[in-house]
Each structure stands twice: as C-alpha cells, then as structure tokens.
Protein backbone atom coordinates (compact mmCIF):
# COMPACT_ATOMS: atom_id res chain seq x y z
CA UNK A 1 28.02 22.23 7.04
CA UNK A 2 29.19 21.67 3.17
CA UNK A 3 31.01 19.23 1.07
CA UNK A 4 32.52 19.02 -2.40
CA UNK A 5 34.36 16.55 -4.35
CA UNK A 6 35.76 17.17 -8.15
CA UNK A 7 38.16 14.88 -10.27
CA UNK A 8 39.06 14.76 -14.02
CA UNK A 9 40.42 11.67 -15.85
CA UNK A 10 39.15 8.20 -17.01
CA UNK A 11 35.89 6.98 -15.44
CA UNK A 12 37.61 4.28 -13.05
CA UNK A 13 40.09 6.71 -11.95
CA UNK A 14 37.63 9.34 -11.27
CA UNK A 15 35.38 7.07 -9.71
CA UNK A 16 37.91 6.07 -7.01
CA UNK A 17 38.86 9.43 -6.32
CA UNK A 18 35.42 10.32 -5.80
CA UNK A 19 34.54 7.48 -3.63
CA UNK A 20 37.77 8.61 -1.40
CA UNK A 21 36.71 12.08 -0.75
CA UNK A 22 32.95 11.24 -0.47
CA UNK A 23 33.69 8.63 2.39
CA UNK A 24 36.48 10.96 3.93
CA UNK A 25 34.05 13.73 4.71
CA UNK A 26 31.34 13.13 7.50
CA UNK A 27 28.40 15.47 7.83
CA UNK A 28 25.36 16.02 10.14
CA UNK A 29 22.12 14.12 8.85
CA UNK A 30 20.44 14.56 6.40
CA UNK A 31 23.20 15.79 4.44
CA UNK A 32 25.20 12.76 5.09
CA UNK A 33 22.94 10.61 3.54
CA UNK A 34 22.35 12.87 0.62
CA UNK A 35 26.13 13.09 0.02
CA UNK A 36 26.75 9.31 -0.04
CA UNK A 37 23.51 8.84 -2.23
CA UNK A 38 25.34 11.09 -4.51
CA UNK A 39 28.52 9.09 -4.43
CA UNK A 40 26.29 6.15 -5.25
CA UNK A 41 24.84 8.00 -8.35
CA UNK A 42 28.29 9.08 -9.74
CA UNK A 43 29.71 5.59 -9.11
CA UNK A 44 26.61 4.06 -11.06
CA UNK A 45 27.08 6.84 -13.91
CA UNK A 46 31.04 6.72 -14.26
CA UNK A 47 30.52 2.51 -14.51
CA UNK A 48 28.78 3.29 -17.50
CA UNK A 49 31.19 5.36 -19.38
CA UNK A 50 33.52 3.87 -22.01
CA UNK A 51 36.68 2.90 -20.19
CA UNK A 52 39.19 4.97 -22.07
CA UNK A 53 37.00 8.07 -22.14
CA UNK A 54 37.66 11.23 -20.19
CA UNK A 55 35.10 12.92 -17.62
CA UNK A 56 35.01 15.51 -15.33
CA UNK A 57 32.87 15.40 -12.33
CA UNK A 58 32.08 18.41 -9.76
CA UNK A 59 29.82 17.79 -6.87
CA UNK A 60 28.90 19.88 -3.82
CA UNK A 61 26.15 20.48 -1.12
CA UNK A 62 25.75 22.27 1.79
CA UNK A 63 23.29 22.37 4.94
CA UNK A 64 21.81 24.89 6.81
CA UNK A 65 19.58 24.78 9.96
CA UNK A 66 17.37 27.63 9.90
CA UNK A 67 15.91 27.43 13.54
CA UNK A 68 18.32 25.84 16.06
CA UNK A 69 15.35 25.23 18.18
CA UNK A 70 13.75 23.09 15.88
CA UNK A 71 15.75 19.61 15.44
CA UNK A 72 15.38 17.82 12.41
CA UNK A 73 14.37 20.94 10.39
CA UNK A 74 17.17 21.70 7.71
CA UNK A 75 17.71 23.25 4.19
CA UNK A 76 20.03 21.65 1.92
CA UNK A 77 21.46 22.53 -1.65
CA UNK A 78 23.08 20.27 -3.96
CA UNK A 79 24.95 20.49 -7.36
CA UNK A 80 26.28 17.71 -9.46
CA UNK A 81 28.07 17.84 -12.83
CA UNK A 82 29.13 14.96 -14.90
CA UNK A 83 31.03 16.29 -18.04
CA UNK A 84 32.37 14.02 -20.69
CA UNK A 85 35.45 15.30 -22.45
CA UNK A 86 35.62 14.81 -26.07
CA UNK A 87 38.72 14.73 -28.20
CA UNK A 88 40.66 14.07 -24.90
CA UNK A 89 44.27 13.49 -26.23
CA UNK A 90 46.78 11.29 -24.23
C-alpha cells in the first residue's frame, strides 16, 4: 500500500488540503497510524507559520509485507518535506 499528499500555498489552505487528502486515503495498519500521525505533525508545523507566508508540503509513505505468513510484520518507508517559499509574490 502507499499514500502521498502535496500542496502549495498559504499555510491554512495547505493544512486544509493536506488534512482532506490524509483523511480520504485508507491504509492497512500500521501504515494508517503512521499516515495519520504525519497529518497531525504537518498540521502542527503549518499552524506555526506566519499566515501570509507561502509553503510547499510533500509527504508520502509505503508499506510492504515481506512474508505474508507472518501477520503484523511490515516494513514502512516515509518521506516528509515542509519548504517555506521565500520571496513569494501575490
């Protein structure tokens, strides 16, 4: 399974877009918990940005089960990027 989210804009709009995307994708555990925790982390980080600044957020993850005969054993990969966009002109 895998998931990804991305958005560019003002922090509040990016946070809303990311929350909607995170909530609309469903994954198997523990990937679901990892994805939702990253959603919370992103919301916290974006809430601290100045309201009129610009930011780009990209996050993705994937989970694989190396041996289907061993329930609960999985490997997960995760990438998270929060990038302030300096000099943004409206």
